[in-house]
């Protein structure tokens, strides 16, 4: 378990069966766009959110991450250092850490 400031969920005794779903940027008509799939996952998250990406510029996704953090869900974002230096404002992602 990583030693992270906001915590990390304990591994359950019984790991549920996993599944994989692949989404493309041009979905079939009956499928949701990737952005909506991501938003639904963020809005339903209860345990932890961990995002690894080169850039995070979508204001709606950033809003959903803030909302999850406001619900008490730990949110971790790992960004590419070069992207941070080029054109990214960390203040958009700041969320006050609760004092324990």
Foldseek 3Di string as FASTA:
>chain_A
DDPDPLDADDDDPDDDDDDDDDADCDHDPVDDHPVVVLLVCLQPDDEEAEEEEADDDDLVSLVSVQVSVVVVHHYHYHYDPVSCVPDDDCVSNDDDDDDD
